Amino acid sequence: MQVSRNLFLWQGKSLLRKGMEIAIAPMMEFVWPKSRILEVYLNIAEWGPGVYRAEAAANTHFKRTARQLNRSQAALMAASLPNPRLRRSSAPNS
């Protein structure tokens, strides 16, 4: 539902917005395969202050392309997604 919320709806919280999110998510899952939903999510998620897209995050945090990330770096990036402003991929213990 995060993809439907972030891609199609406005910022803020309201019952109307939540209702629309609940309605859009199943339609999106019907139209797009899970791999496409994941791809879109990774490219609209904020990976840090002002950093959007997985490719930009890999470059910002590790100075390499997303394709060049090793498993450990990719895992650090994934672990940061719940709150990338607090959980920095490039400095996981800070």
PDB file of N, CA and C in Angstrom:
ATOM      1  N   MET A   1       0.810  -1.191   0.000  1.00  0.00           N
ATOM      2  CA  MET A   1       0.000   0.000   0.000  1.00  0.00           C
ATOM      3  C   MET A   1       0.856   1.260   0.000  1.00  0.00           C
ATOM      4  N   GLN A   2       2.111   1.147   0.415  1.00  0.00           N
ATOM      5  CA  GLN A   2       2.972   2.326   0.397  1.00  0.00           C
ATOM      6  C   GLN A   2       3.158   2.859  -1.010  1.00  0.00           C
ATOM      7  N   VAL A   3       3.271   1.971  -1.975  1.00  0.00           N
ATOM      8  CA  VAL A   3       3.459   2.427  -3.354  1.00  0.00           C
ATOM      9  C   VAL A   3       2.230   3.195  -3.817  1.00  0.00           C
ATOM     10  N   SER A   4       1.048   2.663  -3.557  1.00  0.00           N
ATOM     11  CA  SER A   4      -0.165   3.371  -3.986  1.00  0.00           C
ATOM     12  C   SER A   4      -0.265   4.724  -3.298  1.00  0.00           C
ATOM     13  N   ARG A   5       0.074   4.768  -2.035  1.00  0.00           N
ATOM     14  CA  ARG A   5       0.011   6.032  -1.287  1.00  0.00           C
ATOM     15  C   ARG A   5       1.028   7.031  -1.830  1.00  0.00           C
ATOM     16  N   ASN A   6       2.268   6.600  -1.987  1.00  0.00           N
ATOM     17  CA  ASN A   6       3.321   7.522  -2.407  1.00  0.00           C
ATOM     18  C   ASN A   6       3.232   7.913  -3.873  1.00  0.00           C
ATOM     19  N   LEU A   7       2.708   7.035  -4.694  1.00  0.00           N
ATOM     20  CA  LEU A   7       2.680   7.290  -6.128  1.00  0.00           C
ATOM     21  C   LEU A   7       1.438   8.054  -6.575  1.00  0.00           C
ATOM     22  N   PHE A   8       0.297   7.730  -5.993  1.00  0.00           N
ATOM     23  CA  PHE A   8      -0.959   8.269  -6.513  1.00  0.00           C
ATOM     24  C   PHE A   8      -1.659   9.288  -5.620  1.00  0.00           C
ATOM     25  N   LEU A   9      -1.294   9.377  -4.357  1.00  0.00           N
ATOM     26  CA  LEU A   9      -2.060  10.216  -3.436  1.00  0.00           C
ATOM     27  C   LEU A   9      -1.236  11.379  -2.888  1.00  0.00           C
ATOM     28  N   TRP A  10      -1.912  12.310  -2.289  1.00  0.00           N
ATOM     29  CA  TRP A  10      -1.289  13.499  -1.729  1.00  0.00           C
ATOM     30  C   TRP A  10      -0.712  13.203  -0.345  1.00  0.00           C
ATOM     31  N   GLN A  11       0.121  14.114   0.133  1.00  0.00           N
ATOM     32  CA  GLN A  11       0.714  13.980   1.463  1.00  0.00           C
ATOM     33  C   GLN A  11      -0.332  14.299   2.524  1.00  0.00           C
ATOM     34  N   GLY A  12      -0.114  13.800   3.714  1.00  0.00           N
ATOM     35  CA  GLY A  12      -1.025  14.070   4.820  1.00  0.00           C
ATOM     36  C   GLY A  12      -1.817  12.839   5.196  1.00  0.00           C
ATOM     37  N   LYS A  13      -2.571  12.973   6.263  1.00  0.00           N
ATOM     38  CA  LYS A  13      -3.367  11.853   6.753  1.00  0.00           C
ATOM     39  C   LYS A  13      -4.829  12.264   6.822  1.00  0.00           C
ATOM     40  N   SER A  14      -5.678  11.413   6.289  1.00  0.00           N
ATOM     41  CA  SER A  14      -7.119  11.624   6.392  1.00  0.00           C
ATOM     42  C   SER A  14      -7.815  10.303   6.106  1.00  0.00           C
ATOM     43  N   LEU A  15      -9.037  10.200   6.532  1.00  0.00           N
ATOM     44  CA  LEU A  15      -9.803   8.985   6.262  1.00  0.00           C
ATOM     45  C   LEU A  15     -10.053   8.817   4.767  1.00  0.00           C
ATOM     46  N   LEU A  16     -10.277   9.919   4.068  1.00  0.00           N
ATOM     47  CA  LEU A  16     -10.488   9.851   2.620  1.00  0.00           C
ATOM     48  C   LEU A  16      -9.250   9.282   1.931  1.00  0.00           C
ATOM     49  N   ARG A  17      -8.099   9.791   2.298  1.00  0.00           N
ATOM     50  CA  ARG A  17      -6.847   9.317   1.699  1.00  0.00           C
ATOM     51  C   ARG A  17      -6.626   7.835   2.003  1.00  0.00           C
ATOM     52  N   LYS A  18      -6.882   7.424   3.235  1.00  0.00           N
ATOM     53  CA  LYS A  18      -6.715   6.022   3.617  1.00  0.00           C
ATOM     54  C   LYS A  18      -7.688   5.139   2.833  1.00  0.00           C
ATOM     55  N   GLY A  19      -8.911   5.595   2.669  1.00  0.00           N
ATOM     56  CA  GLY A  19      -9.892   4.837   1.895  1.00  0.00           C
ATOM     57  C   GLY A  19      -9.468   4.679   0.445  1.00  0.00           C
ATOM     58  N   MET A  20      -8.941   5.748  -0.125  1.00  0.00           N
ATOM     59  CA  MET A  20      -8.474   5.675  -1.510  1.00  0.00           C
ATOM     60  C   MET A  20      -7.268   4.744  -1.623  1.00  0.00           C
ATOM     61  N   GLU A  21      -6.399   4.792  -0.645  1.00  0.00           N
ATOM     62  CA  GLU A  21      -5.226   3.909  -0.627  1.00  0.00           C
ATOM     63  C   GLU A  21      -5.663   2.442  -0.593  1.00  0.00           C
ATOM     64  N   ILE A  22      -6.640   2.148   0.235  1.00  0.00           N
ATOM     65  CA  ILE A  22      -7.154   0.775   0.347  1.00  0.00           C
ATOM     66  C   ILE A  22      -7.805   0.330  -0.960  1.00  0.00           C
ATOM     67  N   ALA A  23      -8.428   1.256  -1.666  1.00  0.00           N
ATOM     68  CA  ALA A  23      -9.066   0.919  -2.944  1.00  0.00           C
ATOM     69  C   ALA A  23      -8.045   0.763  -4.072  1.00  0.00           C
ATOM     70  N   ILE A  24      -7.017   1.588  -4.079  1.00  0.00           N
ATOM     71  CA  ILE A  24      -6.038   1.581  -5.168  1.00  0.00           C
ATOM     72  C   ILE A  24      -5.096   0.381  -5.088  1.00  0.00           C
ATOM     73  N   ALA A  25      -4.675   0.019  -3.890  1.00  0.00           N
ATOM     74  CA  ALA A  25      -3.661  -1.032  -3.726  1.00  0.00           C
ATOM     75  C   ALA A  25      -4.045  -2.356  -4.398  1.00  0.00           C
ATOM     76  N   PRO A  26      -5.246  -2.889  -4.195  1.00  0.00           N
ATOM     77  CA  PRO A  26      -5.576  -4.158  -4.866  1.00  0.00           C
ATOM     78  C   PRO A  26      -5.630  -4.035  -6.393  1.00  0.00           C
ATOM     79  N   MET A  27      -6.076  -2.879  -6.878  1.00  0.00           N
ATOM     80  CA  MET A  27      -6.099  -2.685  -8.335  1.00  0.00           C
ATOM     81  C   MET A  27      -4.674  -2.677  -8.888  1.00  0.00           C
ATOM     82  N   MET A  28      -3.789  -2.020  -8.169  1.00  0.00           N
ATOM     83  CA  MET A  28      -2.397  -1.965  -8.596  1.00  0.00           C
ATOM     84  C   MET A  28      -1.785  -3.372  -8.589  1.00  0.00           C
ATOM     85  N   GLU A  29      -2.089  -4.154  -7.564  1.00  0.00           N
ATOM     86  CA  GLU A  29      -1.570  -5.522  -7.484  1.00  0.00           C
ATOM     87  C   GLU A  29      -2.138  -6.410  -8.587  1.00  0.00           C
ATOM     88  N   PHE A  30      -3.333  -6.096  -9.044  1.00  0.00           N
ATOM     89  CA  PHE A  30      -3.939  -6.855 -10.131  1.00  0.00           C
ATOM     90  C   PHE A  30      -3.257  -6.535 -11.462  1.00  0.00           C
ATOM     91  N   VAL A  31      -2.892  -5.279 -11.651  1.00  0.00           N
ATOM     92  CA  VAL A  31      -2.323  -4.818 -12.918  1.00  0.00           C
ATOM     93  C   VAL A  31      -0.819  -5.072 -13.005  1.00  0.00           C
ATOM     94  N   TRP A  32      -0.114  -4.856 -11.916  1.00  0.00           N
ATOM     95  CA  TRP A  32       1.345  -4.980 -11.918  1.00  0.00           C
ATOM     96  C   TRP A  32       1.789  -6.253 -11.212  1.00  0.00           C
ATOM     97  N   PRO A  33       2.812  -6.922 -11.725  1.00  0.00           N
ATOM     98  CA  PRO A  33       3.385  -8.048 -10.977  1.00  0.00           C
ATOM     99  C   PRO A  33       4.156  -7.515  -9.761  1.00  0.00           C
ATOM    100  N   LYS A  34       4.385  -8.377  -8.802  1.00  0.00           N
ATOM    101  CA  LYS A  34       5.093  -7.977  -7.576  1.00  0.00           C
ATOM    102  C   LYS A  34       6.460  -7.370  -7.887  1.00  0.00           C
ATOM    103  N   SER A  35       7.130  -7.898  -8.887  1.00  0.00           N
ATOM    104  CA  SER A  35       8.453  -7.365  -9.230  1.00  0.00           C
ATOM    105  C   SER A  35       8.371  -5.907  -9.676  1.00  0.00           C
ATOM    106  N   ARG A  36       7.314  -5.550 -10.393  1.00  0.00           N
ATOM    107  CA  ARG A  36       7.140  -4.162 -10.839  1.00  0.00           C
ATOM    108  C   ARG A  36       6.811  -3.260  -9.650  1.00  0.00           C
ATOM    109  N   ILE A  37       5.988  -3.742  -8.739  1.00  0.00           N
ATOM    110  CA  ILE A  37       5.652  -2.959  -7.548  1.00  0.00           C
ATOM    111  C   ILE A  37       6.915  -2.690  -6.731  1.00  0.00           C
ATOM    112  N   LEU A  38       7.743  -3.708  -6.579  1.00  0.00           N
ATOM    113  CA  LEU A  38       9.001  -3.537  -5.849  1.00  0.00           C
ATOM    114  C   LEU A  38       9.916  -2.545  -6.563  1.00  0.00           C
ATOM    115  N   GLU A  39      10.007  -2.661  -7.868  1.00  0.00           N
ATOM    116  CA  GLU A  39      10.839  -1.741  -8.648  1.00  0.00           C
ATOM    117  C   GLU A  39      10.376  -0.295  -8.470  1.00  0.00           C
ATOM    118  N   VAL A  40       9.081  -0.079  -8.559  1.00  0.00           N
ATOM    119  CA  VAL A  40       8.546   1.276  -8.391  1.00  0.00           C
ATOM    120  C   VAL A  40       8.800   1.768  -6.971  1.00  0.00           C
ATOM    121  N   TYR A  41       8.574   0.910  -5.995  1.00  0.00           N
ATOM    122  CA  TYR A  41       8.807   1.299  -4.600  1.00  0.00           C
ATOM    123  C   TYR A  41      10.253   1.737  -4.388  1.00  0.00           C
ATOM    124  N   LEU A  42      11.187   0.949  -4.893  1.00  0.00           N
ATOM    125  CA  LEU A  42      12.601   1.273  -4.701  1.00  0.00           C
ATOM    126  C   LEU A  42      13.000   2.564  -5.406  1.00  0.00           C
ATOM    127  N   ASN A  43      12.234   2.944  -6.406  1.00  0.00           N
ATOM    128  CA  ASN A  43      12.568   4.157  -7.145  1.00  0.00           C
ATOM    129  C   ASN A  43      11.765   5.385  -6.732  1.00  0.00           C
ATOM    130  N   ILE A  44      10.802   5.225  -5.827  1.00  0.00           N
ATOM    131  CA  ILE A  44      10.104   6.403  -5.303  1.00  0.00           C
ATOM    132  C   ILE A  44      10.363   6.593  -3.817  1.00  0.00           C
ATOM    133  N   ALA A  45      10.982   5.611  -3.186  1.00  0.00           N
ATOM    134  CA  ALA A  45      11.270   5.709  -1.751  1.00  0.00           C
ATOM    135  C   ALA A  45      12.353   6.751  -1.502  1.00  0.00           C
ATOM    136  N   GLU A  46      12.242   7.410  -0.355  1.00  0.00           N
ATOM    137  CA  GLU A  46      13.290   8.343   0.051  1.00  0.00           C
ATOM    138  C   GLU A  46      14.346   7.546   0.806  1.00  0.00           C
ATOM    139  N   TRP A  47      15.569   7.606   0.337  1.00  0.00           N
ATOM    140  CA  TRP A  47      16.680   6.835   0.893  1.00  0.00           C
ATOM    141  C   TRP A  47      17.549   7.667   1.817  1.00  0.00           C
ATOM    142  N   GLY A  48      17.155   8.868   2.050  1.00  0.00           N
ATOM    143  CA  GLY A  48      17.896   9.804   2.884  1.00  0.00           C
ATOM    144  C   GLY A  48      17.382  11.190   2.556  1.00  0.00           C
ATOM    145  N   PRO A  49      17.846  12.196   3.266  1.00  0.00           N
ATOM    146  CA  PRO A  49      17.359  13.554   3.001  1.00  0.00           C
ATOM    147  C   PRO A  49      17.578  13.968   1.543  1.00  0.00           C
ATOM    148  N   GLY A  50      16.499  14.059   0.800  1.00  0.00           N
ATOM    149  CA  GLY A  50      16.570  14.481  -0.595  1.00  0.00           C
ATOM    150  C   GLY A  50      17.115  13.442  -1.556  1.00  0.00           C
ATOM    151  N   VAL A  51      17.258  12.199  -1.117  1.00  0.00           N
ATOM    152  CA  VAL A  51      17.798  11.140  -1.978  1.00  0.00           C
ATOM    153  C   VAL A  51      16.661  10.198  -2.366  1.00  0.00           C
ATOM    154  N   TYR A  52      16.324  10.194  -3.639  1.00  0.00           N
ATOM    155  CA  TYR A  52      15.259   9.334  -4.157  1.00  0.00           C
ATOM    156  C   TYR A  52      15.838   8.442  -5.242  1.00  0.00           C
ATOM    157  N   ARG A  53      15.341   7.232  -5.349  1.00  0.00           N
ATOM    158  CA  ARG A  53      15.761   6.205  -6.302  1.00  0.00           C
ATOM    159  C   ARG A  53      16.919   5.400  -5.730  1.00  0.00           C
ATOM    160  N   ALA A  54      16.862   4.112  -5.950  1.00  0.00           N
ATOM    161  CA  ALA A  54      17.888   3.195  -5.450  1.00  0.00           C
ATOM    162  C   ALA A  54      19.259   3.518  -6.042  1.00  0.00           C
ATOM    163  N   GLU A  55      19.282   3.891  -7.300  1.00  0.00           N
ATOM    164  CA  GLU A  55      20.557   4.209  -7.950  1.00  0.00           C
ATOM    165  C   GLU A  55      21.223   5.417  -7.291  1.00  0.00           C
ATOM    166  N   ALA A  56      20.441   6.443  -7.024  1.00  0.00           N
ATOM    167  CA  ALA A  56      20.978   7.640  -6.362  1.00  0.00           C
ATOM    168  C   ALA A  56      21.438   7.317  -4.948  1.00  0.00           C
ATOM    169  N   ALA A  57      20.710   6.452  -4.267  1.00  0.00           N
ATOM    170  CA  ALA A  57      21.089   6.069  -2.904  1.00  0.00           C
ATOM    171  C   ALA A  57      22.409   5.302  -2.904  1.00  0.00           C
ATOM    172  N   ALA A  58      22.572   4.388  -3.833  1.00  0.00           N
ATOM    173  CA  ALA A  58      23.827   3.633  -3.917  1.00  0.00           C
ATOM    174  C   ALA A  58      24.993   4.583  -4.160  1.00  0.00           C
ATOM    175  N   ASN A  59      24.770   5.544  -5.026  1.00  0.00           N
ATOM    176  CA  ASN A  59      25.817   6.516  -5.320  1.00  0.00           C
ATOM    177  C   ASN A  59      26.100   7.404  -4.115  1.00  0.00           C
ATOM    178  N   THR A  60      25.059   7.856  -3.450  1.00  0.00           N
ATOM    179  CA  THR A  60      25.219   8.743  -2.296  1.00  0.00           C
ATOM    180  C   THR A  60      25.896   8.040  -1.128  1.00  0.00           C
ATOM    181  N   HIS A  61      25.448   6.834  -0.826  1.00  0.00           N
ATOM    182  CA  HIS A  61      25.931   6.149   0.375  1.00  0.00           C
ATOM    183  C   HIS A  61      27.220   5.357   0.165  1.00  0.00           C
ATOM    184  N   PHE A  62      27.410   4.832  -1.046  1.00  0.00           N
ATOM    185  CA  PHE A  62      28.556   3.948  -1.264  1.00  0.00           C
ATOM    186  C   PHE A  62      29.445   4.350  -2.438  1.00  0.00           C
ATOM    187  N   LYS A  63      29.105   5.443  -3.102  1.00  0.00           N
ATOM    188  CA  LYS A  63      29.902   5.937  -4.237  1.00  0.00           C
ATOM    189  C   LYS A  63      30.080   4.883  -5.329  1.00  0.00           C
ATOM    190  N   ARG A  64      28.997   4.170  -5.617  1.00  0.00           N
ATOM    191  CA  ARG A  64      29.005   3.173  -6.690  1.00  0.00           C
ATOM    192  C   ARG A  64      27.593   3.015  -7.233  1.00  0.00           C
ATOM    193  N   THR A  65      27.472   2.346  -8.362  1.00  0.00           N
ATOM    194  CA  THR A  65      26.147   2.123  -8.933  1.00  0.00           C
ATOM    195  C   THR A  65      25.434   1.027  -8.143  1.00  0.00           C
ATOM    196  N   ALA A  66      24.140   0.964  -8.293  1.00  0.00           N
ATOM    197  CA  ALA A  66      23.368  -0.076  -7.605  1.00  0.00           C
ATOM    198  C   ALA A  66      23.829  -1.467  -8.038  1.00  0.00           C
ATOM    199  N   ARG A  67      24.168  -1.610  -9.285  1.00  0.00           N
ATOM    200  CA  ARG A  67      24.633  -2.899  -9.803  1.00  0.00           C
ATOM    201  C   ARG A  67      25.961  -3.319  -9.168  1.00  0.00           C
ATOM    202  N   GLN A  68      26.757  -2.359  -8.748  1.00  0.00           N
ATOM    203  CA  GLN A  68      28.067  -2.648  -8.163  1.00  0.00           C
ATOM    204  C   GLN A  68      28.013  -2.942  -6.662  1.00  0.00           C
ATOM    205  N   LEU A  69      26.858  -2.767  -6.043  1.00  0.00           N
ATOM    206  CA  LEU A  69      26.758  -3.026  -4.607  1.00  0.00           C
ATOM    207  C   LEU A  69      26.975  -4.504  -4.308  1.00  0.00           C
ATOM    208  N   ASN A  70      27.660  -4.776  -3.205  1.00  0.00           N
ATOM    209  CA  ASN A  70      27.759  -6.170  -2.783  1.00  0.00           C
ATOM    210  C   ASN A  70      26.542  -6.489  -1.903  1.00  0.00           C
ATOM    211  N   ARG A  71      26.408  -7.723  -1.502  1.00  0.00           N
ATOM    212  CA  ARG A  71      25.223  -8.130  -0.735  1.00  0.00           C
ATOM    213  C   ARG A  71      25.104  -7.378   0.583  1.00  0.00           C
ATOM    214  N   SER A  72      26.210  -7.163   1.226  1.00  0.00           N
ATOM    215  CA  SER A  72      26.206  -6.463   2.506  1.00  0.00           C
ATOM    216  C   SER A  72      25.711  -5.025   2.346  1.00  0.00           C
ATOM    217  N   GLN A  73      26.193  -4.347   1.333  1.00  0.00           N
ATOM    218  CA  GLN A  73      25.767  -2.970   1.088  1.00  0.00           C
ATOM    219  C   GLN A  73      24.288  -2.913   0.709  1.00  0.00           C
ATOM    220  N   ALA A  74      23.853  -3.838  -0.120  1.00  0.00           N
ATOM    221  CA  ALA A  74      22.439  -3.883  -0.503  1.00  0.00           C
ATOM    222  C   ALA A  74      21.561  -4.151   0.718  1.00  0.00           C
ATOM    223  N   ALA A  75      22.026  -5.026   1.603  1.00  0.00           N
ATOM    224  CA  ALA A  75      21.271  -5.320   2.827  1.00  0.00           C
ATOM    225  C   ALA A  75      21.206  -4.092   3.732  1.00  0.00           C
ATOM    226  N   LEU A  76      22.293  -3.352   3.827  1.00  0.00           N
ATOM    227  CA  LEU A  76      22.284  -2.123   4.625  1.00  0.00           C
ATOM    228  C   LEU A  76      21.292  -1.114   4.059  1.00  0.00           C
ATOM    229  N   MET A  77      21.245  -1.013   2.748  1.00  0.00           N
ATOM    230  CA  MET A  77      20.283  -0.096   2.133  1.00  0.00           C
ATOM    231  C   MET A  77      18.852  -0.543   2.426  1.00  0.00           C
ATOM    232  N   ALA A  78      18.590  -1.830   2.279  1.00  0.00           N
ATOM    233  CA  ALA A  78      17.242  -2.344   2.541  1.00  0.00           C
ATOM    234  C   ALA A  78      16.848  -2.123   3.999  1.00  0.00           C
ATOM    235  N   ALA A  79      17.787  -2.321   4.906  1.00  0.00           N
ATOM    236  CA  ALA A  79      17.500  -2.147   6.332  1.00  0.00           C
ATOM    237  C   ALA A  79      17.219  -0.690   6.687  1.00  0.00           C
ATOM    238  N   SER A  80      17.708   0.225   5.887  1.00  0.00           N
ATOM    239  CA  SER A  80      17.496   1.643   6.181  1.00  0.00           C
ATOM    240  C   SER A  80      16.115   2.132   5.744  1.00  0.00           C
ATOM    241  N   LEU A  81      15.437   1.390   4.893  1.00  0.00           N
ATOM    242  CA  LEU A  81      14.184   1.877   4.309  1.00  0.00           C
ATOM    243  C   LEU A  81      13.069   2.234   5.291  1.00  0.00           C
ATOM    244  N   PRO A  82      12.891   1.544   6.389  1.00  0.00           N
ATOM    245  CA  PRO A  82      11.801   1.984   7.264  1.00  0.00           C
ATOM    246  C   PRO A  82      11.939   3.437   7.718  1.00  0.00           C
ATOM    247  N   ASN A  83      13.156   3.895   7.911  1.00  0.00           N
ATOM    248  CA  ASN A  83      13.373   5.288   8.305  1.00  0.00           C
ATOM    249  C   ASN A  83      14.783   5.708   7.910  1.00  0.00           C
ATOM    250  N   PRO A  84      14.990   6.035   6.641  1.00  0.00           N
ATOM    251  CA  PRO A  84      16.341   6.339   6.166  1.00  0.00           C
ATOM    252  C   PRO A  84      16.947   7.604   6.759  1.00  0.00           C
ATOM    253  N   ARG A  85      16.133   8.452   7.348  1.00  0.00           N
ATOM    254  CA  ARG A  85      16.695   9.646   7.990  1.00  0.00           C
ATOM    255  C   ARG A  85      17.376   9.282   9.307  1.00  0.00           C
ATOM    256  N   LEU A  86      16.928   8.205   9.939  1.00  0.00           N
ATOM    257  CA  LEU A  86      17.559   7.740  11.177  1.00  0.00           C
ATOM    258  C   LEU A  86      18.557   6.617  10.929  1.00  0.00           C
ATOM    259  N   ARG A  87      18.235   5.728  10.006  1.00  0.00           N
ATOM    260  CA  ARG A  87      19.087   4.571   9.715  1.00  0.00           C
ATOM    261  C   ARG A  87      19.872   4.840   8.439  1.00  0.00           C
ATOM    262  N   ARG A  88      21.086   5.271   8.577  1.00  0.00           N
ATOM    263  CA  ARG A  88      21.897   5.597   7.407  1.00  0.00           C
ATOM    264  C   ARG A  88      22.630   4.360   6.913  1.00  0.00           C
ATOM    265  N   SER A  89      22.503   4.061   5.640  1.00  0.00           N
ATOM    266  CA  SER A  89      23.153   2.891   5.043  1.00  0.00           C
ATOM    267  C   SER A  89      24.660   2.956   5.165  1.00  0.00           C
ATOM    268  N   SER A  90      25.205   4.131   4.965  1.00  0.00           N
ATOM    269  CA  SER A  90      26.657   4.267   4.954  1.00  0.00           C
ATOM    270  C   SER A  90      27.255   4.300   6.356  1.00  0.00           C
ATOM    271  N   ALA A  91      26.428   4.496   7.366  1.00  0.00           N
ATOM    272  CA  ALA A  91      26.907   4.526   8.754  1.00  0.00           C
ATOM    273  C   ALA A  91      25.870   3.854   9.648  1.00  0.00           C
ATOM    274  N   PRO A  92      25.760   2.522   9.566  1.00  0.00           N
ATOM    275  CA  PRO A  92      24.673   1.827  10.252  1.00  0.00           C
ATOM    276  C   PRO A  92      24.702   1.926  11.775  1.00  0.00           C
ATOM    277  N   ASN A  93      25.840   2.176  12.363  1.00  0.00           N
ATOM    278  CA  ASN A  93      25.923   2.230  13.824  1.00  0.00           C
ATOM    279  C   ASN A  93      25.761   3.626  14.388  1.00  0.00           C
ATOM    280  N   SER A  94      25.518   4.593  13.531  1.00  0.00           N
ATOM    281  CA  SER A  94      25.392   5.963  14.039  1.00  0.00           C
ATOM    282  C   SER A  94      23.954   6.293  14.368  1.00  0.00           C
TER     283      SER A  94
END
